[in-house]
């Protein structure tokens, strides 16, 4: 990417311990294993060193907790999913606050 270039990404993040463990089990069965490479702590640190990170939006931070609730009470899960998603929209907006999210969208500018 040339200086001044912009990249917009939507990527999985693998910095939350439970998702790391789930991926260890799921990875051998994954059909897109050759191209799906989740960001790790090292990846996020490298991004911050090499790019000016502009808007960031973490996804499935708090709202991921609605998934297990949905097994027992889908209506309650829907209520919490909306509330927690809005919390993610407000607060999961920096590299240090997206680490428990399952995905993130970045706008990166090459300086």
PDB file of N, CA and C in Angstrom:
ATOM      1  N   UNK A   1       0.847  -1.157   0.000  1.00  0.00           N
ATOM      2  CA  UNK A   1       0.000   0.000   0.000  1.00  0.00           C
ATOM      3  C   UNK A   1       0.902   1.232   0.000  1.00  0.00           C
ATOM      4  N   UNK A   2       0.580   2.192  -0.849  1.00  0.00           N
ATOM      5  CA  UNK A   2       1.389   3.407  -0.928  1.00  0.00           C
ATOM      6  C   UNK A   2       1.006   4.386   0.174  1.00  0.00           C
ATOM      7  N   UNK A   3       1.901   5.325   0.462  1.00  0.00           N
ATOM      8  CA  UNK A   3       1.623   6.331   1.483  1.00  0.00           C
ATOM      9  C   UNK A   3       0.332   7.063   1.142  1.00  0.00           C
ATOM     10  N   UNK A   4      -0.479   7.277   2.148  1.00  0.00           N
ATOM     11  CA  UNK A   4      -1.763   7.934   1.978  1.00  0.00           C
ATOM     12  C   UNK A   4      -2.881   6.982   1.601  1.00  0.00           C
ATOM     13  N   UNK A   5      -2.519   5.739   1.265  1.00  0.00           N
ATOM     14  CA  UNK A   5      -3.535   4.749   0.899  1.00  0.00           C
ATOM     15  C   UNK A   5      -4.388   4.364   2.096  1.00  0.00           C
ATOM     16  N   UNK A   6      -5.613   3.945   1.811  1.00  0.00           N
ATOM     17  CA  UNK A   6      -6.565   3.566   2.860  1.00  0.00           C
ATOM     18  C   UNK A   6      -7.018   2.127   2.622  1.00  0.00           C
ATOM     19  N   UNK A   7      -7.103   1.361   3.703  1.00  0.00           N
ATOM     20  CA  UNK A   7      -7.673   0.014   3.660  1.00  0.00           C
ATOM     21  C   UNK A   7      -8.776  -0.060   4.698  1.00  0.00           C
ATOM     22  N   UNK A   8      -9.891  -0.633   4.306  1.00  0.00           N
ATOM     23  CA  UNK A   8     -10.997  -0.856   5.236  1.00  0.00           C
ATOM     24  C   UNK A   8     -11.158  -2.365   5.342  1.00  0.00           C
ATOM     25  N   UNK A   9     -11.154  -2.861   6.568  1.00  0.00           N
ATOM     26  CA  UNK A   9     -11.183  -4.303   6.780  1.00  0.00           C
ATOM     27  C   UNK A   9     -12.308  -4.695   7.732  1.00  0.00           C
ATOM     28  N   UNK A  10     -12.702  -5.935   7.651  1.00  0.00           N
ATOM     29  CA  UNK A  10     -13.592  -6.563   8.638  1.00  0.00           C
ATOM     30  C   UNK A  10     -12.968  -7.914   8.900  1.00  0.00           C
ATOM     31  N   UNK A  11     -12.432  -8.094  10.083  1.00  0.00           N
ATOM     32  CA  UNK A  11     -11.651  -9.290  10.364  1.00  0.00           C
ATOM     33  C   UNK A  11     -12.027  -9.923  11.690  1.00  0.00           C
ATOM     34  N   UNK A  12     -11.869 -11.254  11.793  1.00  0.00           N
ATOM     35  CA  UNK A  12     -12.032 -11.908  13.085  1.00  0.00           C
ATOM     36  C   UNK A  12     -10.845 -11.570  13.984  1.00  0.00           C
ATOM     37  N   UNK A  13     -11.101 -11.576  15.274  1.00  0.00           N
ATOM     38  CA  UNK A  13     -10.058 -11.308  16.266  1.00  0.00           C
ATOM     39  C   UNK A  13      -9.951 -12.527  17.167  1.00  0.00           C
ATOM     40  N   UNK A  14      -8.744 -12.915  17.468  1.00  0.00           N
ATOM     41  CA  UNK A  14      -8.519 -14.074  18.326  1.00  0.00           C
ATOM     42  C   UNK A  14      -7.669 -13.654  19.517  1.00  0.00           C
ATOM     43  N   UNK A  15      -8.184 -12.755  20.330  1.00  0.00           N
ATOM     44  CA  UNK A  15      -7.441 -12.323  21.505  1.00  0.00           C
ATOM     45  C   UNK A  15      -8.161 -12.704  22.796  1.00  0.00           C
ATOM     46  N   UNK A  16      -9.378 -13.150  22.705  1.00  0.00           N
ATOM     47  CA  UNK A  16     -10.169 -13.534  23.865  1.00  0.00           C
ATOM     48  C   UNK A  16      -9.951 -15.024  24.102  1.00  0.00           C
ATOM     49  N   UNK A  17      -9.535 -15.424  25.278  1.00  0.00           N
ATOM     50  CA  UNK A  17      -9.125 -16.801  25.577  1.00  0.00           C
ATOM     51  C   UNK A  17     -10.189 -17.842  25.182  1.00  0.00           C
ATOM     52  N   UNK A  18     -11.464 -17.690  25.535  1.00  0.00           N
ATOM     53  CA  UNK A  18     -12.442 -18.718  25.133  1.00  0.00           C
ATOM     54  C   UNK A  18     -12.518 -18.924  23.615  1.00  0.00           C
ATOM     55  N   UNK A  19     -12.386 -17.858  22.834  1.00  0.00           N
ATOM     56  CA  UNK A  19     -12.449 -18.039  21.380  1.00  0.00           C
ATOM     57  C   UNK A  19     -11.185 -18.722  20.874  1.00  0.00           C
ATOM     58  N   UNK A  20     -10.046 -18.473  21.512  1.00  0.00           N
ATOM     59  CA  UNK A  20      -8.830 -19.192  21.137  1.00  0.00           C
ATOM     60  C   UNK A  20      -9.033 -20.699  21.314  1.00  0.00           C
ATOM     61  N   UNK A  21      -9.625 -21.079  22.448  1.00  0.00           N
ATOM     62  CA  UNK A  21      -9.861 -22.498  22.727  1.00  0.00           C
ATOM     63  C   UNK A  21     -10.870 -23.094  21.746  1.00  0.00           C
ATOM     64  N   UNK A  22     -11.934 -22.353  21.454  1.00  0.00           N
ATOM     65  CA  UNK A  22     -12.931 -22.831  20.487  1.00  0.00           C
ATOM     66  C   UNK A  22     -12.297 -23.023  19.112  1.00  0.00           C
ATOM     67  N   UNK A  23     -11.440 -22.098  18.711  1.00  0.00           N
ATOM     68  CA  UNK A  23     -10.792 -22.218  17.401  1.00  0.00           C
ATOM     69  C   UNK A  23      -9.854 -23.417  17.338  1.00  0.00           C
ATOM     70  N   UNK A  24      -9.202 -23.753  18.455  1.00  0.00           N
ATOM     71  CA  UNK A  24      -8.340 -24.938  18.466  1.00  0.00           C
ATOM     72  C   UNK A  24      -9.130 -26.200  18.124  1.00  0.00           C
ATOM     73  N   UNK A  25     -10.349 -26.275  18.636  1.00  0.00           N
ATOM     74  CA  UNK A  25     -11.205 -27.428  18.363  1.00  0.00           C
ATOM     75  C   UNK A  25     -11.773 -27.365  16.945  1.00  0.00           C
ATOM     76  N   UNK A  26     -12.225 -26.186  16.541  1.00  0.00           N
ATOM     77  CA  UNK A  26     -12.916 -26.014  15.265  1.00  0.00           C
ATOM     78  C   UNK A  26     -11.979 -25.956  14.064  1.00  0.00           C
ATOM     79  N   UNK A  27     -10.793 -25.462  14.249  1.00  0.00           N
ATOM     80  CA  UNK A  27      -9.863 -25.191  13.137  1.00  0.00           C
ATOM     81  C   UNK A  27      -9.654 -26.390  12.200  1.00  0.00           C
ATOM     82  N   UNK A  28      -9.451 -27.601  12.692  1.00  0.00           N
ATOM     83  CA  UNK A  28      -9.251 -28.733  11.771  1.00  0.00           C
ATOM     84  C   UNK A  28     -10.464 -29.000  10.871  1.00  0.00           C
ATOM     85  N   UNK A  29     -11.658 -28.584  11.280  1.00  0.00           N
ATOM     86  CA  UNK A  29     -12.876 -28.809  10.506  1.00  0.00           C
ATOM     87  C   UNK A  29     -13.221 -27.636   9.590  1.00  0.00           C
ATOM     88  N   UNK A  30     -12.500 -26.559   9.719  1.00  0.00           N
ATOM     89  CA  UNK A  30     -12.816 -25.310   9.029  1.00  0.00           C
ATOM     90  C   UNK A  30     -12.478 -25.415   7.539  1.00  0.00           C
ATOM     91  N   UNK A  31     -13.433 -25.055   6.679  1.00  0.00           N
ATOM     92  CA  UNK A  31     -13.225 -25.150   5.229  1.00  0.00           C
ATOM     93  C   UNK A  31     -12.432 -23.976   4.668  1.00  0.00           C
ATOM     94  N   UNK A  32     -12.420 -22.848   5.379  1.00  0.00           N
ATOM     95  CA  UNK A  32     -11.699 -21.666   4.890  1.00  0.00           C
ATOM     96  C   UNK A  32     -10.386 -21.439   5.634  1.00  0.00           C
ATOM     97  N   UNK A  33      -9.812 -22.492   6.140  1.00  0.00           N
ATOM     98  CA  UNK A  33      -8.613 -22.392   6.970  1.00  0.00           C
ATOM     99  C   UNK A  33      -7.433 -21.749   6.230  1.00  0.00           C
ATOM    100  N   UNK A  34      -7.379 -21.900   4.918  1.00  0.00           N
ATOM    101  CA  UNK A  34      -6.244 -21.362   4.162  1.00  0.00           C
ATOM    102  C   UNK A  34      -6.230 -19.845   4.107  1.00  0.00           C
ATOM    103  N   UNK A  35      -7.385 -19.209   4.178  1.00  0.00           N
ATOM    104  CA  UNK A  35      -7.406 -17.750   4.038  1.00  0.00           C
ATOM    105  C   UNK A  35      -7.953 -17.021   5.251  1.00  0.00           C
ATOM    106  N   UNK A  36      -8.602 -17.692   6.187  1.00  0.00           N
ATOM    107  CA  UNK A  36      -9.146 -17.027   7.369  1.00  0.00           C
ATOM    108  C   UNK A  36      -8.103 -17.059   8.463  1.00  0.00           C
ATOM    109  N   UNK A  37      -7.483 -15.904   8.706  1.00  0.00           N
ATOM    110  CA  UNK A  37      -6.429 -15.801   9.714  1.00  0.00           C
ATOM    111  C   UNK A  37      -6.827 -14.705  10.703  1.00  0.00           C
ATOM    112  N   UNK A  38      -7.342 -15.090  11.852  1.00  0.00           N
ATOM    113  CA  UNK A  38      -7.779 -14.088  12.831  1.00  0.00           C
ATOM    114  C   UNK A  38      -6.618 -13.249  13.357  1.00  0.00           C
ATOM    115  N   UNK A  39      -6.918 -11.994  13.668  1.00  0.00           N
ATOM    116  CA  UNK A  39      -5.919 -11.129  14.273  1.00  0.00           C
ATOM    117  C   UNK A  39      -5.626 -11.593  15.687  1.00  0.00           C
ATOM    118  N   UNK A  40      -4.356 -11.565  16.032  1.00  0.00           N
ATOM    119  CA  UNK A  40      -3.902 -11.876  17.386  1.00  0.00           C
ATOM    120  C   UNK A  40      -3.436 -10.572  18.036  1.00  0.00           C
ATOM    121  N   UNK A  41      -3.006 -10.645  19.268  1.00  0.00           N
ATOM    122  CA  UNK A  41      -2.444  -9.457  19.927  1.00  0.00           C
ATOM    123  C   UNK A  41      -1.262  -8.909  19.129  1.00  0.00           C
ATOM    124  N   UNK A  42      -0.406  -9.796  18.637  1.00  0.00           N
ATOM    125  CA  UNK A  42       0.740  -9.352  17.841  1.00  0.00           C
ATOM    126  C   UNK A  42       0.289  -8.666  16.555  1.00  0.00           C
ATOM    127  N   UNK A  43      -0.729  -9.198  15.907  1.00  0.00           N
ATOM    128  CA  UNK A  43      -1.245  -8.578  14.680  1.00  0.00           C
ATOM    129  C   UNK A  43      -1.750  -7.170  14.965  1.00  0.00           C
ATOM    130  N   UNK A  44      -2.519  -7.039  16.047  1.00  0.00           N
ATOM    131  CA  UNK A  44      -3.074  -5.723  16.385  1.00  0.00           C
ATOM    132  C   UNK A  44      -1.961  -4.731  16.716  1.00  0.00           C
ATOM    133  N   UNK A  45      -0.930  -5.198  17.410  1.00  0.00           N
ATOM    134  CA  UNK A  45       0.210  -4.320  17.710  1.00  0.00           C
ATOM    135  C   UNK A  45       0.927  -3.900  16.426  1.00  0.00           C
ATOM    136  N   UNK A  46       1.107  -4.837  15.490  1.00  0.00           N
ATOM    137  CA  UNK A  46       1.764  -4.523  14.212  1.00  0.00           C
ATOM    138  C   UNK A  46       0.949  -3.524  13.406  1.00  0.00           C
ATOM    139  N   UNK A  47      -0.350  -3.682  13.403  1.00  0.00           N
ATOM    140  CA  UNK A  47      -1.221  -2.733  12.692  1.00  0.00           C
ATOM    141  C   UNK A  47      -1.007  -1.329  13.243  1.00  0.00           C
ATOM    142  N   UNK A  48      -0.976  -1.235  14.554  1.00  0.00           N
ATOM    143  CA  UNK A  48      -0.818   0.072  15.184  1.00  0.00           C
ATOM    144  C   UNK A  48       0.537   0.697  14.867  1.00  0.00           C
ATOM    145  N   UNK A  49       1.566  -0.124  14.703  1.00  0.00           N
ATOM    146  CA  UNK A  49       2.898   0.397  14.374  1.00  0.00           C
ATOM    147  C   UNK A  49       2.999   0.840  12.917  1.00  0.00           C
ATOM    148  N   UNK A  50       2.328   0.150  12.018  1.00  0.00           N
ATOM    149  CA  UNK A  50       2.527   0.381  10.589  1.00  0.00           C
ATOM    150  C   UNK A  50       1.489   1.294   9.938  1.00  0.00           C
ATOM    151  N   UNK A  51       0.369   1.519  10.615  1.00  0.00           N
ATOM    152  CA  UNK A  51      -0.703   2.317  10.039  1.00  0.00           C
ATOM    153  C   UNK A  51      -1.230   3.330  11.035  1.00  0.00           C
ATOM    154  N   UNK A  52      -1.804   4.384  10.512  1.00  0.00           N
ATOM    155  CA  UNK A  52      -2.599   5.267  11.350  1.00  0.00           C
ATOM    156  C   UNK A  52      -3.981   4.631  11.392  1.00  0.00           C
ATOM    157  N   UNK A  53      -4.375   4.188  12.578  1.00  0.00           N
ATOM    158  CA  UNK A  53      -5.655   3.517  12.741  1.00  0.00           C
ATOM    159  C   UNK A  53      -6.707   4.589  12.973  1.00  0.00           C
ATOM    160  N   UNK A  54      -7.624   4.691  12.036  1.00  0.00           N
ATOM    161  CA  UNK A  54      -8.657   5.702  12.149  1.00  0.00           C
ATOM    162  C   UNK A  54      -9.877   5.050  12.784  1.00  0.00           C
ATOM    163  N   UNK A  55     -11.036   5.106  12.225  1.00  0.00           N
ATOM    164  CA  UNK A  55     -12.153   4.461  12.931  1.00  0.00           C
ATOM    165  C   UNK A  55     -11.958   2.954  13.109  1.00  0.00           C
ATOM    166  N   UNK A  56     -12.311   2.486  14.282  1.00  0.00           N
ATOM    167  CA  UNK A  56     -12.336   1.057  14.616  1.00  0.00           C
ATOM    168  C   UNK A  56     -13.707   0.779  15.188  1.00  0.00           C
ATOM    169  N   UNK A  57     -14.269  -0.369  14.843  1.00  0.00           N
ATOM    170  CA  UNK A  57     -15.513  -0.775  15.474  1.00  0.00           C
ATOM    171  C   UNK A  57     -15.442  -2.244  15.815  1.00  0.00           C
ATOM    172  N   UNK A  58     -15.437  -2.555  17.103  1.00  0.00           N
ATOM    173  CA  UNK A  58     -15.493  -3.936  17.546  1.00  0.00           C
ATOM    174  C   UNK A  58     -16.916  -4.453  17.460  1.00  0.00           C
ATOM    175  N   UNK A  59     -17.037  -5.726  17.134  1.00  0.00           N
ATOM    176  CA  UNK A  59     -18.341  -6.366  16.971  1.00  0.00           C
ATOM    177  C   UNK A  59     -18.346  -7.638  17.816  1.00  0.00           C
ATOM    178  N   UNK A  60     -19.457  -7.939  18.417  1.00  0.00           N
ATOM    179  CA  UNK A  60     -19.607  -9.111  19.273  1.00  0.00           C
ATOM    180  C   UNK A  60     -18.668  -9.052  20.470  1.00  0.00           C
ATOM    181  N   UNK A  61     -18.649  -7.915  21.141  1.00  0.00           N
ATOM    182  CA  UNK A  61     -17.934  -7.776  22.403  1.00  0.00           C
ATOM    183  C   UNK A  61     -18.847  -8.274  23.506  1.00  0.00           C
ATOM    184  N   UNK A  62     -19.666  -7.379  24.026  1.00  0.00           N
ATOM    185  CA  UNK A  62     -20.657  -7.791  25.018  1.00  0.00           C
ATOM    186  C   UNK A  62     -21.792  -8.579  24.373  1.00  0.00           C
ATOM    187  N   UNK A  63     -22.153  -8.222  23.157  1.00  0.00           N
ATOM    188  CA  UNK A  63     -23.322  -8.848  22.530  1.00  0.00           C
ATOM    189  C   UNK A  63     -23.148 -10.345  22.279  1.00  0.00           C
ATOM    190  N   UNK A  64     -21.917 -10.845  22.271  1.00  0.00           N
ATOM    191  CA  UNK A  64     -21.704 -12.282  22.064  1.00  0.00           C
ATOM    192  C   UNK A  64     -22.356 -13.099  23.174  1.00  0.00           C
ATOM    193  N   UNK A  65     -22.554 -12.488  24.340  1.00  0.00           N
ATOM    194  CA  UNK A  65     -23.133 -13.213  25.469  1.00  0.00           C
ATOM    195  C   UNK A  65     -24.608 -13.533  25.258  1.00  0.00           C
ATOM    196  N   UNK A  66     -25.231 -12.894  24.285  1.00  0.00           N
ATOM    197  CA  UNK A  66     -26.630 -13.222  23.985  1.00  0.00           C
ATOM    198  C   UNK A  66     -26.748 -14.591  23.327  1.00  0.00           C
ATOM    199  N   UNK A  67     -25.673 -15.074  22.723  1.00  0.00           N
ATOM    200  CA  UNK A  67     -25.718 -16.369  22.026  1.00  0.00           C
ATOM    201  C   UNK A  67     -26.049 -17.510  22.992  1.00  0.00           C
ATOM    202  N   UNK A  68     -25.318 -17.678  24.095  1.00  0.00           N
ATOM    203  CA  UNK A  68     -25.703 -18.778  24.996  1.00  0.00           C
ATOM    204  C   UNK A  68     -27.059 -18.552  25.671  1.00  0.00           C
ATOM    205  N   UNK A  69     -27.424 -17.305  25.916  1.00  0.00           N
ATOM    206  CA  UNK A  69     -28.735 -17.020  26.509  1.00  0.00           C
ATOM    207  C   UNK A  69     -29.845 -17.473  25.564  1.00  0.00           C
ATOM    208  N   UNK A  70     -29.606 -17.345  24.254  1.00  0.00           N
ATOM    209  CA  UNK A  70     -30.639 -17.690  23.266  1.00  0.00           C
ATOM    210  C   UNK A  70     -31.024 -19.167  23.304  1.00  0.00           C
ATOM    211  N   UNK A  71     -30.153 -19.996  23.793  1.00  0.00           N
ATOM    212  CA  UNK A  71     -30.463 -21.424  23.905  1.00  0.00           C
ATOM    213  C   UNK A  71     -31.620 -21.642  24.867  1.00  0.00           C
ATOM    214  N   UNK A  72     -31.660 -20.854  25.925  1.00  0.00           N
ATOM    215  CA  UNK A  72     -32.661 -21.034  26.966  1.00  0.00           C
ATOM    216  C   UNK A  72     -33.842 -20.086  26.843  1.00  0.00           C
ATOM    217  N   UNK A  73     -33.585 -18.869  26.345  1.00  0.00           N
ATOM    218  CA  UNK A  73     -34.662 -17.878  26.266  1.00  0.00           C
ATOM    219  C   UNK A  73     -34.389 -16.922  25.091  1.00  0.00           C
ATOM    220  N   UNK A  74     -34.857 -17.279  23.893  1.00  0.00           N
ATOM    221  CA  UNK A  74     -34.574 -16.450  22.714  1.00  0.00           C
ATOM    222  C   UNK A  74     -35.067 -15.005  22.834  1.00  0.00           C
ATOM    223  N   UNK A  75     -36.212 -14.802  23.446  1.00  0.00           N
ATOM    224  CA  UNK A  75     -36.746 -13.441  23.573  1.00  0.00           C
ATOM    225  C   UNK A  75     -35.841 -12.590  24.470  1.00  0.00           C
ATOM    226  N   UNK A  76     -35.445 -13.135  25.592  1.00  0.00           N
ATOM    227  CA  UNK A  76     -34.549 -12.424  26.498  1.00  0.00           C
ATOM    228  C   UNK A  76     -33.206 -12.163  25.811  1.00  0.00           C
ATOM    229  N   UNK A  77     -32.717 -13.151  25.072  1.00  0.00           N
ATOM    230  CA  UNK A  77     -31.451 -12.985  24.348  1.00  0.00           C
ATOM    231  C   UNK A  77     -31.542 -11.846  23.349  1.00  0.00           C
ATOM    232  N   UNK A  78     -32.663 -11.746  22.635  1.00  0.00           N
ATOM    233  CA  UNK A  78     -32.851 -10.653  21.677  1.00  0.00           C
ATOM    234  C   UNK A  78     -32.808  -9.296  22.364  1.00  0.00           C
ATOM    235  N   UNK A  79     -33.443  -9.199  23.515  1.00  0.00           N
ATOM    236  CA  UNK A  79     -33.439  -7.957  24.284  1.00  0.00           C
ATOM    237  C   UNK A  79     -32.012  -7.573  24.675  1.00  0.00           C
ATOM    238  N   UNK A  80     -31.283  -8.520  25.250  1.00  0.00           N
ATOM    239  CA  UNK A  80     -29.915  -8.236  25.663  1.00  0.00           C
ATOM    240  C   UNK A  80     -28.993  -8.006  24.476  1.00  0.00           C
ATOM    241  N   UNK A  81     -29.186  -8.752  23.395  1.00  0.00           N
ATOM    242  CA  UNK A  81     -28.339  -8.580  22.209  1.00  0.00           C
ATOM    243  C   UNK A  81     -28.415  -7.143  21.707  1.00  0.00           C
ATOM    244  N   UNK A  82     -29.609  -6.578  21.634  1.00  0.00           N
ATOM    245  CA  UNK A  82     -29.747  -5.190  21.182  1.00  0.00           C
ATOM    246  C   UNK A  82     -29.047  -4.228  22.129  1.00  0.00           C
ATOM    247  N   UNK A  83     -29.279  -4.398  23.405  1.00  0.00           N
ATOM    248  CA  UNK A  83     -28.679  -3.514  24.405  1.00  0.00           C
ATOM    249  C   UNK A  83     -27.155  -3.616  24.379  1.00  0.00           C
ATOM    250  N   UNK A  84     -26.647  -4.845  24.346  1.00  0.00           N
ATOM    251  CA  UNK A  84     -25.204  -5.053  24.379  1.00  0.00           C
ATOM    252  C   UNK A  84     -24.543  -4.645  23.067  1.00  0.00           C
ATOM    253  N   UNK A  85     -25.265  -4.821  21.951  1.00  0.00           N
ATOM    254  CA  UNK A  85     -24.711  -4.365  20.670  1.00  0.00           C
ATOM    255  C   UNK A  85     -24.515  -2.844  20.691  1.00  0.00           C
ATOM    256  N   UNK A  86     -25.482  -2.124  21.215  1.00  0.00           N
ATOM    257  CA  UNK A  86     -25.352  -0.665  21.298  1.00  0.00           C
ATOM    258  C   UNK A  86     -24.188  -0.283  22.211  1.00  0.00           C
ATOM    259  N   UNK A  87     -23.956  -1.037  23.257  1.00  0.00           N
ATOM    260  CA  UNK A  87     -22.792  -0.788  24.127  1.00  0.00           C
ATOM    261  C   UNK A  87     -21.502  -1.008  23.333  1.00  0.00           C
ATOM    262  N   UNK A  88     -21.467  -2.085  22.548  1.00  0.00           N
ATOM    263  CA  UNK A  88     -20.292  -2.335  21.698  1.00  0.00           C
ATOM    264  C   UNK A  88     -20.071  -1.182  20.720  1.00  0.00           C
ATOM    265  N   UNK A  89     -21.138  -0.694  20.123  1.00  0.00           N
ATOM    266  CA  UNK A  89     -21.031   0.410  19.157  1.00  0.00           C
ATOM    267  C   UNK A  89     -20.428   1.643  19.825  1.00  0.00           C
ATOM    268  N   UNK A  90     -20.830   1.907  21.066  1.00  0.00           N
ATOM    269  CA  UNK A  90     -20.315   3.091  21.776  1.00  0.00           C
ATOM    270  C   UNK A  90     -18.891   2.916  22.283  1.00  0.00           C
ATOM    271  N   UNK A  91     -18.557   1.749  22.804  1.00  0.00           N
ATOM    272  CA  UNK A  91     -17.297   1.616  23.542  1.00  0.00           C
ATOM    273  C   UNK A  91     -16.203   0.798  22.862  1.00  0.00           C
ATOM    274  N   UNK A  92     -16.529  -0.082  21.940  1.00  0.00           N
ATOM    275  CA  UNK A  92     -15.501  -0.911  21.293  1.00  0.00           C
ATOM    276  C   UNK A  92     -14.969  -0.177  20.067  1.00  0.00           C
ATOM    277  N   UNK A  93     -14.238   0.910  20.331  1.00  0.00           N
ATOM    278  CA  UNK A  93     -13.812   1.798  19.248  1.00  0.00           C
ATOM    279  C   UNK A  93     -12.316   2.109  19.259  1.00  0.00           C
ATOM    280  N   UNK A  94     -11.558   1.381  20.053  1.00  0.00           N
ATOM    281  CA  UNK A  94     -10.103   1.574  20.117  1.00  0.00           C
ATOM    282  C   UNK A  94      -9.448   0.201  20.211  1.00  0.00           C
ATOM    283  N   UNK A  95      -8.180   0.125  19.835  1.00  0.00           N
ATOM    284  CA  UNK A  95      -7.486  -1.166  19.876  1.00  0.00           C
ATOM    285  C   UNK A  95      -7.539  -1.813  21.250  1.00  0.00           C
ATOM    286  N   UNK A  96      -7.424  -1.038  22.303  1.00  0.00           N
ATOM    287  CA  UNK A  96      -7.422  -1.636  23.646  1.00  0.00           C
ATOM    288  C   UNK A  96      -8.817  -2.046  24.109  1.00  0.00           C
ATOM    289  N   UNK A  97      -9.883  -1.577  23.458  1.00  0.00           N
ATOM    290  CA  UNK A  97     -11.233  -1.956  23.885  1.00  0.00           C
ATOM    291  C   UNK A  97     -11.877  -3.000  22.982  1.00  0.00           C
ATOM    292  N   UNK A  98     -11.198  -3.437  21.926  1.00  0.00           N
ATOM    293  CA  UNK A  98     -11.781  -4.446  21.042  1.00  0.00           C
ATOM    294  C   UNK A  98     -11.240  -5.839  21.314  1.00  0.00           C
ATOM    295  N   UNK A  99     -10.340  -5.975  22.240  1.00  0.00           N
ATOM    296  CA  UNK A  99      -9.658  -7.263  22.429  1.00  0.00           C
ATOM    297  C   UNK A  99     -10.584  -8.388  22.880  1.00  0.00           C
ATOM    298  N   UNK A 100     -11.723  -8.077  23.459  1.00  0.00           N
ATOM    299  CA  UNK A 100     -12.665  -9.146  23.822  1.00  0.00           C
ATOM    300  C   UNK A 100     -13.746  -9.329  22.763  1.00  0.00           C
ATOM    301  N   UNK A 101     -13.665  -8.577  21.682  1.00  0.00           N
ATOM    302  CA  UNK A 101     -14.629  -8.718  20.590  1.00  0.00           C
ATOM    303  C   UNK A 101     -14.247  -9.912  19.716  1.00  0.00           C
ATOM    304  N   UNK A 102     -15.215 -10.416  18.973  1.00  0.00           N
ATOM    305  CA  UNK A 102     -14.950 -11.535  18.078  1.00  0.00           C
ATOM    306  C   UNK A 102     -14.577 -11.071  16.680  1.00  0.00           C
ATOM    307  N   UNK A 103     -14.975  -9.844  16.324  1.00  0.00           N
ATOM    308  CA  UNK A 103     -14.635  -9.265  15.027  1.00  0.00           C
ATOM    309  C   UNK A 103     -14.430  -7.772  15.188  1.00  0.00           C
ATOM    310  N   UNK A 104     -13.756  -7.193  14.205  1.00  0.00           N
ATOM    311  CA  UNK A 104     -13.584  -5.739  14.208  1.00  0.00           C
ATOM    312  C   UNK A 104     -13.464  -5.246  12.777  1.00  0.00           C
ATOM    313  N   UNK A 105     -13.897  -4.028  12.606  1.00  0.00           N
ATOM    314  CA  UNK A 105     -13.761  -3.334  11.332  1.00  0.00           C
ATOM    315  C   UNK A 105     -12.786  -2.180  11.558  1.00  0.00           C
ATOM    316  N   UNK A 106     -11.821  -2.037  10.647  1.00  0.00           N
ATOM    317  CA  UNK A 106     -10.777  -1.025  10.764  1.00  0.00           C
ATOM    318  C   UNK A 106     -10.753  -0.150   9.520  1.00  0.00           C
ATOM    319  N   UNK A 107     -10.390   1.098   9.704  1.00  0.00           N
ATOM    320  CA  UNK A 107      -9.981   1.940   8.586  1.00  0.00           C
ATOM    321  C   UNK A 107      -8.525   2.299   8.858  1.00  0.00           C
ATOM    322  N   UNK A 108      -7.644   1.826   7.991  1.00  0.00           N
ATOM    323  CA  UNK A 108      -6.204   2.003   8.166  1.00  0.00           C
ATOM    324  C   UNK A 108      -5.673   2.927   7.095  1.00  0.00           C
ATOM    325  N   UNK A 109      -4.831   3.838   7.518  1.00  0.00           N
ATOM    326  CA  UNK A 109      -4.207   4.773   6.564  1.00  0.00           C
ATOM    327  C   UNK A 109      -2.702   4.583   6.642  1.00  0.00           C
ATOM    328  N   UNK A 110      -2.091   4.394   5.480  1.00  0.00           N
ATOM    329  CA  UNK A 110      -0.647   4.261   5.395  1.00  0.00           C
ATOM    330  C   UNK A 110      -0.038   5.652   5.390  1.00  0.00           C
ATOM    331  N   UNK A 111       0.856   5.895   6.328  1.00  0.00           N
ATOM    332  CA  UNK A 111       1.480   7.231   6.431  1.00  0.00           C
ATOM    333  C   UNK A 111       2.765   7.290   5.658  1.00  0.00           C
TER     334      UNK A 111
END
